[in-house]
Amino acid sequence: MKVKFAPPNGDDYPDLTPGNVYGVIGIEADDYRLINDMGYPYLYPHDLFLVIDAEEPADWETEYGADGERYAYPPELNQPGFFEDYFDDKPAAVHTFRRYLDKQRLLTVTR
């Protein structure tokens, strides 16, 4: 899935560049997790973006919350507390995330 950063109110997000297209690595409560310009996998409100390519990887696991909000992640990132562990520098989460990114780069290069 690819989205273009186009904040509707000119919101200032210094870690994102207006007009840039970003790959979504997950959806959490309908918001998008992507790798920002600083290289971090942050979560951003979905209404800051225009969907450029809505196709999601077939292996994403999707769930819905009590209010119908959507959660979707690839299996390796779809563990409760995964990103909290990543940002707490827990080695298993950091290693898993790096391995996931390497796999995505290989898929992109070989397509």
PDB file of N, CA and C in Angstrom:
ATOM      1  N   MET A   1       0.855  -1.178   0.000  1.00  0.00           N
ATOM      2  CA  MET A   1       0.000   0.000   0.000  1.00  0.00           C
ATOM      3  C   MET A   1       0.897   1.237   0.000  1.00  0.00           C
ATOM      4  N   LYS A   2       0.543   2.196  -0.822  1.00  0.00           N
ATOM      5  CA  LYS A   2       1.319   3.439  -0.897  1.00  0.00           C
ATOM      6  C   LYS A   2       0.388   4.628  -0.688  1.00  0.00           C
ATOM      7  N   VAL A   3       0.896   5.592   0.070  1.00  0.00           N
ATOM      8  CA  VAL A   3       0.126   6.798   0.362  1.00  0.00           C
ATOM      9  C   VAL A   3       1.001   8.032   0.136  1.00  0.00           C
ATOM     10  N   LYS A   4       0.340   9.122  -0.223  1.00  0.00           N
ATOM     11  CA  LYS A   4       1.031  10.396  -0.452  1.00  0.00           C
ATOM     12  C   LYS A   4       0.705  11.330   0.705  1.00  0.00           C
ATOM     13  N   PHE A   5       1.746  11.918   1.294  1.00  0.00           N
ATOM     14  CA  PHE A   5       1.548  12.848   2.399  1.00  0.00           C
ATOM     15  C   PHE A   5       0.993  14.154   1.858  1.00  0.00           C
ATOM     16  N   ALA A   6      -0.252  14.433   2.246  1.00  0.00           N
ATOM     17  CA  ALA A   6      -0.952  15.637   1.783  1.00  0.00           C
ATOM     18  C   ALA A   6      -1.822  16.143   2.926  1.00  0.00           C
ATOM     19  N   PRO A   7      -1.206  16.755   3.944  1.00  0.00           N
ATOM     20  CA  PRO A   7      -1.999  17.196   5.094  1.00  0.00           C
ATOM     21  C   PRO A   7      -3.041  18.224   4.680  1.00  0.00           C
ATOM     22  N   PRO A   8      -4.310  17.972   5.015  1.00  0.00           N
ATOM     23  CA  PRO A   8      -5.391  18.845   4.547  1.00  0.00           C
ATOM     24  C   PRO A   8      -5.348  20.257   5.129  1.00  0.00           C
ATOM     25  N   ASN A   9      -4.790  20.418   6.293  1.00  0.00           N
ATOM     26  CA  ASN A   9      -4.767  21.740   6.942  1.00  0.00           C
ATOM     27  C   ASN A   9      -3.375  22.327   7.007  1.00  0.00           C
ATOM     28  N   GLY A  10      -2.464  21.814   6.195  1.00  0.00           N
ATOM     29  CA  GLY A  10      -1.098  22.304   6.240  1.00  0.00           C
ATOM     30  C   GLY A  10      -0.400  21.935   7.539  1.00  0.00           C
ATOM     31  N   ASP A  11      -0.902  20.860   8.194  1.00  0.00           N
ATOM     32  CA  ASP A  11      -0.294  20.426   9.443  1.00  0.00           C
ATOM     33  C   ASP A  11       1.206  20.234   9.264  1.00  0.00           C
ATOM     34  N   ASP A  12       1.940  20.565  10.298  1.00  0.00           N
ATOM     35  CA  ASP A  12       3.394  20.489  10.241  1.00  0.00           C
ATOM     36  C   ASP A  12       3.878  19.188  10.873  1.00  0.00           C
ATOM     37  N   TYR A  13       4.429  18.337  10.065  1.00  0.00           N
ATOM     38  CA  TYR A  13       5.060  17.105  10.518  1.00  0.00           C
ATOM     39  C   TYR A  13       6.489  17.132   9.989  1.00  0.00           C
ATOM     40  N   PRO A  14       7.443  17.568  10.814  1.00  0.00           N
ATOM     41  CA  PRO A  14       8.812  17.740  10.324  1.00  0.00           C
ATOM     42  C   PRO A  14       9.484  16.438   9.896  1.00  0.00           C
ATOM     43  N   ASP A  15       8.904  15.309  10.273  1.00  0.00           N
ATOM     44  CA  ASP A  15       9.498  14.025   9.894  1.00  0.00           C
ATOM     45  C   ASP A  15       8.858  13.422   8.643  1.00  0.00           C
ATOM     46  N   LEU A  16       7.985  14.191   7.973  1.00  0.00           N
ATOM     47  CA  LEU A  16       7.378  13.791   6.706  1.00  0.00           C
ATOM     48  C   LEU A  16       7.482  14.942   5.717  1.00  0.00           C
ATOM     49  N   THR A  17       7.610  14.614   4.445  1.00  0.00           N
ATOM     50  CA  THR A  17       7.741  15.635   3.406  1.00  0.00           C
ATOM     51  C   THR A  17       6.459  15.706   2.589  1.00  0.00           C
ATOM     52  N   PRO A  18       5.812  16.889   2.533  1.00  0.00           N
ATOM     53  CA  PRO A  18       4.601  17.024   1.722  1.00  0.00           C
ATOM     54  C   PRO A  18       4.853  16.587   0.282  1.00  0.00           C
ATOM     55  N   GLY A  19       3.937  15.797  -0.237  1.00  0.00           N
ATOM     56  CA  GLY A  19       4.049  15.303  -1.608  1.00  0.00           C
ATOM     57  C   GLY A  19       4.798  13.989  -1.740  1.00  0.00           C
ATOM     58  N   ASN A  20       5.537  13.590  -0.714  1.00  0.00           N
ATOM     59  CA  ASN A  20       6.255  12.315  -0.786  1.00  0.00           C
ATOM     60  C   ASN A  20       5.287  11.146  -0.678  1.00  0.00           C
ATOM     61  N   VAL A  21       5.648  10.072  -1.359  1.00  0.00           N
ATOM     62  CA  VAL A  21       4.884   8.829  -1.294  1.00  0.00           C
ATOM     63  C   VAL A  21       5.599   7.890  -0.327  1.00  0.00           C
ATOM     64  N   TYR A  22       4.829   7.296   0.569  1.00  0.00           N
ATOM     65  CA  TYR A  22       5.370   6.403   1.592  1.00  0.00           C
ATOM     66  C   TYR A  22       4.691   5.047   1.498  1.00  0.00           C
ATOM     67  N   GLY A  23       5.443   4.007   1.773  1.00  0.00           N
ATOM     68  CA  GLY A  23       4.894   2.664   1.855  1.00  0.00           C
ATOM     69  C   GLY A  23       4.338   2.421   3.241  1.00  0.00           C
ATOM     70  N   VAL A  24       3.119   1.941   3.309  1.00  0.00           N
ATOM     71  CA  VAL A  24       2.487   1.636   4.587  1.00  0.00           C
ATOM     72  C   VAL A  24       2.928   0.243   5.014  1.00  0.00           C
ATOM     73  N   ILE A  25       3.400   0.120   6.258  1.00  0.00           N
ATOM     74  CA  ILE A  25       3.821  -1.191   6.755  1.00  0.00           C
ATOM     75  C   ILE A  25       2.798  -1.788   7.709  1.00  0.00           C
ATOM     76  N   GLY A  26       1.749  -1.030   8.019  1.00  0.00           N
ATOM     77  CA  GLY A  26       0.695  -1.544   8.872  1.00  0.00           C
ATOM     78  C   GLY A  26      -0.391  -0.512   9.079  1.00  0.00           C
ATOM     79  N   ILE A  27      -1.528  -0.992   9.542  1.00  0.00           N
ATOM     80  CA  ILE A  27      -2.674  -0.128   9.834  1.00  0.00           C
ATOM     81  C   ILE A  27      -3.089  -0.420  11.270  1.00  0.00           C
ATOM     82  N   GLU A  28      -3.260   0.648  12.038  1.00  0.00           N
ATOM     83  CA  GLU A  28      -3.615   0.491  13.446  1.00  0.00           C
ATOM     84  C   GLU A  28      -4.709   1.491  13.787  1.00  0.00           C
ATOM     85  N   ALA A  29      -5.883   0.974  14.131  1.00  0.00           N
ATOM     86  CA  ALA A  29      -7.051   1.809  14.406  1.00  0.00           C
ATOM     87  C   ALA A  29      -7.303   2.768  13.232  1.00  0.00           C
ATOM     88  N   ASP A  30      -7.171   2.238  12.024  1.00  0.00           N
ATOM     89  CA  ASP A  30      -7.366   2.939  10.750  1.00  0.00           C
ATOM     90  C   ASP A  30      -6.249   3.912  10.393  1.00  0.00           C
ATOM     91  N   ASP A  31      -5.278   4.120  11.266  1.00  0.00           N
ATOM     92  CA  ASP A  31      -4.150   5.007  10.955  1.00  0.00           C
ATOM     93  C   ASP A  31      -3.016   4.201  10.339  1.00  0.00           C
ATOM     94  N   TYR A  32      -2.077   4.907   9.691  1.00  0.00           N
ATOM     95  CA  TYR A  32      -1.025   4.244   8.932  1.00  0.00           C
ATOM     96  C   TYR A  32       0.299   4.269   9.672  1.00  0.00           C
ATOM     97  N   ARG A  33       0.950   3.103   9.708  1.00  0.00           N
ATOM     98  CA  ARG A  33       2.316   3.044  10.210  1.00  0.00           C
ATOM     99  C   ARG A  33       3.219   2.974   8.984  1.00  0.00           C
ATOM    100  N   LEU A  34       4.179   3.891   8.941  1.00  0.00           N
ATOM    101  CA  LEU A  34       5.108   3.946   7.817  1.00  0.00           C
ATOM    102  C   LEU A  34       6.479   4.382   8.312  1.00  0.00           C
ATOM    103  N   ILE A  35       7.459   4.206   7.458  1.00  0.00           N
ATOM    104  CA  ILE A  35       8.813   4.640   7.786  1.00  0.00           C
ATOM    105  C   ILE A  35       8.915   6.106   7.397  1.00  0.00           C
ATOM    106  N   ASN A  36       9.119   6.965   8.400  1.00  0.00           N
ATOM    107  CA  ASN A  36       9.175   8.402   8.131  1.00  0.00           C
ATOM    108  C   ASN A  36      10.554   8.806   7.590  1.00  0.00           C
ATOM    109  N   ASP A  37      10.731  10.086   7.348  1.00  0.00           N
ATOM    110  CA  ASP A  37      11.981  10.591   6.769  1.00  0.00           C
ATOM    111  C   ASP A  37      13.183  10.395   7.687  1.00  0.00           C
ATOM    112  N   MET A  38      12.930  10.152   8.968  1.00  0.00           N
ATOM    113  CA  MET A  38      14.011   9.919   9.927  1.00  0.00           C
ATOM    114  C   MET A  38      14.352   8.430  10.030  1.00  0.00           C
ATOM    115  N   GLY A  39      13.565   7.600   9.336  1.00  0.00           N
ATOM    116  CA  GLY A  39      13.815   6.163   9.334  1.00  0.00           C
ATOM    117  C   GLY A  39      13.105   5.389  10.432  1.00  0.00           C
ATOM    118  N   TYR A  40      12.118   6.012  11.089  1.00  0.00           N
ATOM    119  CA  TYR A  40      11.402   5.360  12.182  1.00  0.00           C
ATOM    120  C   TYR A  40      10.000   4.918  11.749  1.00  0.00           C
ATOM    121  N   PRO A  41       9.542   3.788  12.259  1.00  0.00           N
ATOM    122  CA  PRO A  41       8.210   3.282  11.910  1.00  0.00           C
ATOM    123  C   PRO A  41       7.123   3.890  12.794  1.00  0.00           C
ATOM    124  N   TYR A  42       6.728   5.120  12.491  1.00  0.00           N
ATOM    125  CA  TYR A  42       5.737   5.814  13.315  1.00  0.00           C
ATOM    126  C   TYR A  42       4.328   5.653  12.753  1.00  0.00           C
ATOM    127  N   LEU A  43       3.377   5.897  13.623  1.00  0.00           N
ATOM    128  CA  LEU A  43       1.961   5.828  13.287  1.00  0.00           C
ATOM    129  C   LEU A  43       1.449   7.247  13.052  1.00  0.00           C
ATOM    130  N   TYR A  44       0.705   7.443  11.953  1.00  0.00           N
ATOM    131  CA  TYR A  44       0.187   8.758  11.596  1.00  0.00           C
ATOM    132  C   TYR A  44      -1.297   8.670  11.273  1.00  0.00           C
ATOM    133  N   PRO A  45      -2.044   9.745  11.535  1.00  0.00           N
ATOM    134  CA  PRO A  45      -3.472   9.764  11.194  1.00  0.00           C
ATOM    135  C   PRO A  45      -3.685   9.546   9.694  1.00  0.00           C
ATOM    136  N   HIS A  46      -4.620   8.694   9.363  1.00  0.00           N
ATOM    137  CA  HIS A  46      -4.851   8.360   7.952  1.00  0.00           C
ATOM    138  C   HIS A  46      -5.322   9.555   7.128  1.00  0.00           C
ATOM    139  N   ASP A  47      -5.947  10.541   7.771  1.00  0.00           N
ATOM    140  CA  ASP A  47      -6.474  11.667   7.003  1.00  0.00           C
ATOM    141  C   ASP A  47      -5.398  12.659   6.550  1.00  0.00           C
ATOM    142  N   LEU A  48      -4.140  12.364   6.855  1.00  0.00           N
ATOM    143  CA  LEU A  48      -3.029  13.191   6.364  1.00  0.00           C
ATOM    144  C   LEU A  48      -2.547  12.730   4.994  1.00  0.00           C
ATOM    145  N   PHE A  49      -3.121  11.640   4.488  1.00  0.00           N
ATOM    146  CA  PHE A  49      -2.595  10.997   3.288  1.00  0.00           C
ATOM    147  C   PHE A  49      -3.672  10.748   2.244  1.00  0.00           C
ATOM    148  N   LEU A  50      -3.228  10.716   0.999  1.00  0.00           N
ATOM    149  CA  LEU A  50      -4.047  10.262  -0.120  1.00  0.00           C
ATOM    150  C   LEU A  50      -3.546   8.877  -0.494  1.00  0.00           C
ATOM    151  N   VAL A  51      -4.438   7.942  -0.684  1.00  0.00           N
ATOM    152  CA  VAL A  51      -4.036   6.592  -1.072  1.00  0.00           C
ATOM    153  C   VAL A  51      -3.680   6.608  -2.556  1.00  0.00           C
ATOM    154  N   ILE A  52      -2.455   6.214  -2.848  1.00  0.00           N
ATOM    155  CA  ILE A  52      -1.956   6.161  -4.228  1.00  0.00           C
ATOM    156  C   ILE A  52      -2.136   4.753  -4.791  1.00  0.00           C
ATOM    157  N   ASP A  53      -1.866   3.755  -3.960  1.00  0.00           N
ATOM    158  CA  ASP A  53      -2.010   2.353  -4.346  1.00  0.00           C
ATOM    159  C   ASP A  53      -2.583   1.610  -3.138  1.00  0.00           C
ATOM    160  N   ALA A  54      -3.824   1.175  -3.239  1.00  0.00           N
ATOM    161  CA  ALA A  54      -4.518   0.549  -2.110  1.00  0.00           C
ATOM    162  C   ALA A  54      -4.178  -0.930  -1.941  1.00  0.00           C
ATOM    163  N   GLU A  55      -3.419  -1.506  -2.863  1.00  0.00           N
ATOM    164  CA  GLU A  55      -3.111  -2.932  -2.766  1.00  0.00           C
ATOM    165  C   GLU A  55      -2.225  -3.204  -1.551  1.00  0.00           C
ATOM    166  N   GLU A  56      -2.680  -4.154  -0.744  1.00  0.00           N
ATOM    167  CA  GLU A  56      -1.939  -4.553   0.449  1.00  0.00           C
ATOM    168  C   GLU A  56      -1.355  -5.937   0.226  1.00  0.00           C
ATOM    169  N   PRO A  57      -0.260  -6.232   0.893  1.00  0.00           N
ATOM    170  CA  PRO A  57       0.299  -7.583   0.775  1.00  0.00           C
ATOM    171  C   PRO A  57      -0.726  -8.637   1.199  1.00  0.00           C
ATOM    172  N   ALA A  58      -0.740  -9.747   0.499  1.00  0.00           N
ATOM    173  CA  ALA A  58      -1.711 -10.806   0.756  1.00  0.00           C
ATOM    174  C   ALA A  58      -1.542 -11.440   2.129  1.00  0.00           C
ATOM    175  N   ASP A  59      -0.358 -11.340   2.709  1.00  0.00           N
ATOM    176  CA  ASP A  59      -0.127 -12.008   3.995  1.00  0.00           C
ATOM    177  C   ASP A  59      -0.509 -11.163   5.211  1.00  0.00           C
ATOM    178  N   TRP A  60      -0.970  -9.938   5.010  1.00  0.00           N
ATOM    179  CA  TRP A  60      -1.361  -9.121   6.169  1.00  0.00           C
ATOM    180  C   TRP A  60      -2.511  -9.786   6.910  1.00  0.00           C
ATOM    181  N   GLU A  61      -2.410  -9.735   8.231  1.00  0.00           N
ATOM    182  CA  GLU A  61      -3.466 -10.248   9.096  1.00  0.00           C
ATOM    183  C   GLU A  61      -4.322  -9.068   9.522  1.00  0.00           C
ATOM    184  N   THR A  62      -5.635  -9.180   9.308  1.00  0.00           N
ATOM    185  CA  THR A  62      -6.546  -8.074   9.587  1.00  0.00           C
ATOM    186  C   THR A  62      -7.518  -8.441  10.698  1.00  0.00           C
ATOM    187  N   GLU A  63      -7.740  -7.485  11.592  1.00  0.00           N
ATOM    188  CA  GLU A  63      -8.727  -7.621  12.665  1.00  0.00           C
ATOM    189  C   GLU A  63      -9.480  -6.300  12.748  1.00  0.00           C
ATOM    190  N   TYR A  64     -10.649  -6.346  13.381  1.00  0.00           N
ATOM    191  CA  TYR A  64     -11.454  -5.141  13.570  1.00  0.00           C
ATOM    192  C   TYR A  64     -11.749  -4.967  15.046  1.00  0.00           C
ATOM    193  N   GLY A  65     -11.672  -3.718  15.501  1.00  0.00           N
ATOM    194  CA  GLY A  65     -11.962  -3.404  16.886  1.00  0.00           C
ATOM    195  C   GLY A  65     -13.453  -3.284  17.129  1.00  0.00           C
ATOM    196  N   ALA A  66     -13.807  -3.013  18.370  1.00  0.00           N
ATOM    197  CA  ALA A  66     -15.210  -2.930  18.785  1.00  0.00           C
ATOM    198  C   ALA A  66     -15.984  -1.855  18.034  1.00  0.00           C
ATOM    199  N   ASP A  67     -15.309  -0.801  17.615  1.00  0.00           N
ATOM    200  CA  ASP A  67     -15.969   0.287  16.889  1.00  0.00           C
ATOM    201  C   ASP A  67     -15.772   0.183  15.380  1.00  0.00           C
ATOM    202  N   GLY A  68     -15.296  -0.980  14.905  1.00  0.00           N
ATOM    203  CA  GLY A  68     -15.103  -1.193  13.479  1.00  0.00           C
ATOM    204  C   GLY A  68     -13.762  -0.704  12.950  1.00  0.00           C
ATOM    205  N   GLU A  69     -12.903  -0.187  13.824  1.00  0.00           N
ATOM    206  CA  GLU A  69     -11.592   0.274  13.372  1.00  0.00           C
ATOM    207  C   GLU A  69     -10.748  -0.917  12.938  1.00  0.00           C
ATOM    208  N   ARG A  70      -9.912  -0.690  11.965  1.00  0.00           N
ATOM    209  CA  ARG A  70      -9.155  -1.775  11.346  1.00  0.00           C
ATOM    210  C   ARG A  70      -7.724  -1.813  11.853  1.00  0.00           C
ATOM    211  N   TYR A  71      -7.243  -3.037  12.023  1.00  0.00           N
ATOM    212  CA  TYR A  71      -5.851  -3.310  12.388  1.00  0.00           C
ATOM    213  C   TYR A  71      -5.331  -4.329  11.382  1.00  0.00           C
ATOM    214  N   ALA A  72      -4.221  -4.029  10.724  1.00  0.00           N
ATOM    215  CA  ALA A  72      -3.665  -4.953   9.741  1.00  0.00           C
ATOM    216  C   ALA A  72      -2.148  -4.825   9.734  1.00  0.00           C
ATOM    217  N   TYR A  73      -1.495  -5.950   9.881  1.00  0.00           N
ATOM    218  CA  TYR A  73      -0.029  -5.994   9.874  1.00  0.00           C
ATOM    219  C   TYR A  73       0.436  -7.292   9.243  1.00  0.00           C
ATOM    220  N   PRO A  74       1.664  -7.299   8.741  1.00  0.00           N
ATOM    221  CA  PRO A  74       2.238  -8.574   8.322  1.00  0.00           C
ATOM    222  C   PRO A  74       2.432  -9.446   9.571  1.00  0.00           C
ATOM    223  N   PRO A  75       2.414 -10.757   9.408  1.00  0.00           N
ATOM    224  CA  PRO A  75       2.466 -11.643  10.572  1.00  0.00           C
ATOM    225  C   PRO A  75       3.622 -11.368  11.524  1.00  0.00           C
ATOM    226  N   GLU A  76       4.796 -11.085  10.997  1.00  0.00           N
ATOM    227  CA  GLU A  76       5.962 -10.902  11.864  1.00  0.00           C
ATOM    228  C   GLU A  76       5.889  -9.640  12.722  1.00  0.00           C
ATOM    229  N   LEU A  77       5.054  -8.682  12.342  1.00  0.00           N
ATOM    230  CA  LEU A  77       4.913  -7.441  13.119  1.00  0.00           C
ATOM    231  C   LEU A  77       3.600  -7.401  13.894  1.00  0.00           C
ATOM    232  N   ASN A  78       2.795  -8.430  13.752  1.00  0.00           N
ATOM    233  CA  ASN A  78       1.450  -8.432  14.319  1.00  0.00           C
ATOM    234  C   ASN A  78       1.397  -9.124  15.683  1.00  0.00           C
ATOM    235  N   GLN A  79       2.244  -8.695  16.576  1.00  0.00           N
ATOM    236  CA  GLN A  79       2.267  -9.228  17.938  1.00  0.00           C
ATOM    237  C   GLN A  79       1.913  -8.099  18.896  1.00  0.00           C
ATOM    238  N   PRO A  80       1.071  -8.366  19.891  1.00  0.00           N
ATOM    239  CA  PRO A  80       0.752  -7.308  20.864  1.00  0.00           C
ATOM    240  C   PRO A  80       2.024  -6.732  21.482  1.00  0.00           C
ATOM    241  N   GLY A  81       2.128  -5.422  21.457  1.00  0.00           N
ATOM    242  CA  GLY A  81       3.279  -4.744  22.054  1.00  0.00           C
ATOM    243  C   GLY A  81       4.537  -4.747  21.207  1.00  0.00           C
ATOM    244  N   PHE A  82       4.434  -5.214  19.948  1.00  0.00           N
ATOM    245  CA  PHE A  82       5.643  -5.312  19.123  1.00  0.00           C
ATOM    246  C   PHE A  82       6.369  -3.969  18.992  1.00  0.00           C
ATOM    247  N   PHE A  83       5.655  -2.921  18.619  1.00  0.00           N
ATOM    248  CA  PHE A  83       6.336  -1.645  18.387  1.00  0.00           C
ATOM    249  C   PHE A  83       6.771  -0.982  19.691  1.00  0.00           C
ATOM    250  N   GLU A  84       6.069  -1.236  20.775  1.00  0.00           N
ATOM    251  CA  GLU A  84       6.548  -0.763  22.076  1.00  0.00           C
ATOM    252  C   GLU A  84       7.903  -1.402  22.384  1.00  0.00           C
ATOM    253  N   ASP A  85       8.004  -2.722  22.133  1.00  0.00           N
ATOM    254  CA  ASP A  85       9.276  -3.419  22.342  1.00  0.00           C
ATOM    255  C   ASP A  85      10.349  -2.878  21.411  1.00  0.00           C
ATOM    256  N   TYR A  86       9.983  -2.609  20.161  1.00  0.00           N
ATOM    257  CA  TYR A  86      10.946  -2.060  19.199  1.00  0.00           C
ATOM    258  C   TYR A  86      11.501  -0.723  19.699  1.00  0.00           C
ATOM    259  N   PHE A  87      10.612   0.167  20.114  1.00  0.00           N
ATOM    260  CA  PHE A  87      11.063   1.481  20.565  1.00  0.00           C
ATOM    261  C   PHE A  87      11.752   1.429  21.928  1.00  0.00           C
ATOM    262  N   ASP A  88      11.558   0.343  22.667  1.00  0.00           N
ATOM    263  CA  ASP A  88      12.293   0.132  23.921  1.00  0.00           C
ATOM    264  C   ASP A  88      13.623  -0.573  23.667  1.00  0.00           C
ATOM    265  N   ASP A  89      13.975  -0.751  22.390  1.00  0.00           N
ATOM    266  CA  ASP A  89      15.230  -1.382  21.971  1.00  0.00           C
ATOM    267  C   ASP A  89      15.387  -2.817  22.454  1.00  0.00           C
ATOM    268  N   LYS A  90      14.289  -3.533  22.532  1.00  0.00           N
ATOM    269  CA  LYS A  90      14.381  -4.946  22.903  1.00  0.00           C
ATOM    270  C   LYS A  90      14.938  -5.703  21.696  1.00  0.00           C
ATOM    271  N   PRO A  91      16.036  -6.437  21.904  1.00  0.00           N
ATOM    272  CA  PRO A  91      16.752  -7.056  20.781  1.00  0.00           C
ATOM    273  C   PRO A  91      15.883  -7.913  19.859  1.00  0.00           C
ATOM    274  N   ALA A  92      14.984  -8.705  20.400  1.00  0.00           N
ATOM    275  CA  ALA A  92      14.167  -9.572  19.540  1.00  0.00           C
ATOM    276  C   ALA A  92      13.302  -8.746  18.591  1.00  0.00           C
ATOM    277  N   ALA A  93      12.693  -7.684  19.091  1.00  0.00           N
ATOM    278  CA  ALA A  93      11.840  -6.844  18.248  1.00  0.00           C
ATOM    279  C   ALA A  93      12.663  -6.090  17.213  1.00  0.00           C
ATOM    280  N   VAL A  94      13.804  -5.558  17.613  1.00  0.00           N
ATOM    281  CA  VAL A  94      14.674  -4.832  16.677  1.00  0.00           C
ATOM    282  C   VAL A  94      15.145  -5.773  15.576  1.00  0.00           C
ATOM    283  N   HIS A  95      15.558  -6.970  15.947  1.00  0.00           N
ATOM    284  CA  HIS A  95      16.022  -7.957  14.967  1.00  0.00           C
ATOM    285  C   HIS A  95      14.892  -8.350  14.007  1.00  0.00           C
ATOM    286  N   THR A  96      13.710  -8.605  14.546  1.00  0.00           N
ATOM    287  CA  THR A  96      12.567  -8.977  13.720  1.00  0.00           C
ATOM    288  C   THR A  96      12.224  -7.865  12.733  1.00  0.00           C
ATOM    289  N   PHE A  97      12.231  -6.622  13.208  1.00  0.00           N
ATOM    290  CA  PHE A  97      11.893  -5.507  12.329  1.00  0.00           C
ATOM    291  C   PHE A  97      12.940  -5.326  11.231  1.00  0.00           C
ATOM    292  N   ARG A  98      14.196  -5.418  11.575  1.00  0.00           N
ATOM    293  CA  ARG A  98      15.253  -5.300  10.561  1.00  0.00           C
ATOM    294  C   ARG A  98      15.150  -6.417   9.523  1.00  0.00           C
ATOM    295  N   ARG A  99      14.868  -7.630   9.987  1.00  0.00           N
ATOM    296  CA  ARG A  99      14.702  -8.759   9.066  1.00  0.00           C
ATOM    297  C   ARG A  99      13.507  -8.510   8.141  1.00  0.00           C
ATOM    298  N   TYR A 100      12.427  -7.974   8.682  1.00  0.00           N
ATOM    299  CA  TYR A 100      11.248  -7.642   7.874  1.00  0.00           C
ATOM    300  C   TYR A 100      11.605  -6.607   6.798  1.00  0.00           C
ATOM    301  N   LEU A 101      12.309  -5.554   7.189  1.00  0.00           N
ATOM    302  CA  LEU A 101      12.699  -4.521   6.211  1.00  0.00           C
ATOM    303  C   LEU A 101      13.601  -5.093   5.127  1.00  0.00           C
ATOM    304  N   ASP A 102      14.546  -5.946   5.518  1.00  0.00           N
ATOM    305  CA  ASP A 102      15.426  -6.573   4.527  1.00  0.00           C
ATOM    306  C   ASP A 102      14.621  -7.411   3.546  1.00  0.00           C
ATOM    307  N   LYS A 103      13.642  -8.144   4.041  1.00  0.00           N
ATOM    308  CA  LYS A 103      12.791  -8.972   3.179  1.00  0.00           C
ATOM    309  C   LYS A 103      12.020  -8.090   2.198  1.00  0.00           C
ATOM    310  N   GLN A 104      11.509  -6.951   2.685  1.00  0.00           N
ATOM    311  CA  GLN A 104      10.758  -6.048   1.814  1.00  0.00           C
ATOM    312  C   GLN A 104      11.649  -5.458   0.729  1.00  0.00           C
ATOM    313  N   ARG A 105      12.877  -5.136   1.074  1.00  0.00           N
ATOM    314  CA  ARG A 105      13.811  -4.601   0.064  1.00  0.00           C
ATOM    315  C   ARG A 105      14.098  -5.644  -1.005  1.00  0.00           C
ATOM    316  N   LEU A 106      14.275  -6.891  -0.593  1.00  0.00           N
ATOM    317  CA  LEU A 106      14.529  -7.969  -1.556  1.00  0.00           C
ATOM    318  C   LEU A 106      13.329  -8.154  -2.475  1.00  0.00           C
ATOM    319  N   LEU A 107      12.122  -8.121  -1.926  1.00  0.00           N
ATOM    320  CA  LEU A 107      10.930  -8.270  -2.758  1.00  0.00           C
ATOM    321  C   LEU A 107      10.811  -7.133  -3.759  1.00  0.00           C
ATOM    322  N   THR A 108      11.139  -5.916  -3.311  1.00  0.00           N
ATOM    323  CA  THR A 108      11.040  -4.753  -4.194  1.00  0.00           C
ATOM    324  C   THR A 108      12.048  -4.844  -5.322  1.00  0.00           C
ATOM    325  N   VAL A 109      13.257  -5.284  -5.019  1.00  0.00           N
ATOM    326  CA  VAL A 109      14.309  -5.369  -6.033  1.00  0.00           C
ATOM    327  C   VAL A 109      14.024  -6.462  -7.045  1.00  0.00           C
ATOM    328  N   THR A 110      13.470  -7.579  -6.603  1.00  0.00           N
ATOM    329  CA  THR A 110      13.290  -8.712  -7.502  1.00  0.00           C
ATOM    330  C   THR A 110      11.989  -8.664  -8.303  1.00  0.00           C
ATOM    331  N   ARG A 111      11.095  -7.756  -8.002  1.00  0.00           N
ATOM    332  CA  ARG A 111       9.817  -7.698  -8.737  1.00  0.00           C
ATOM    333  C   ARG A 111       9.999  -7.141 -10.112  1.00  0.00           C
TER     334      ARG A 111
END
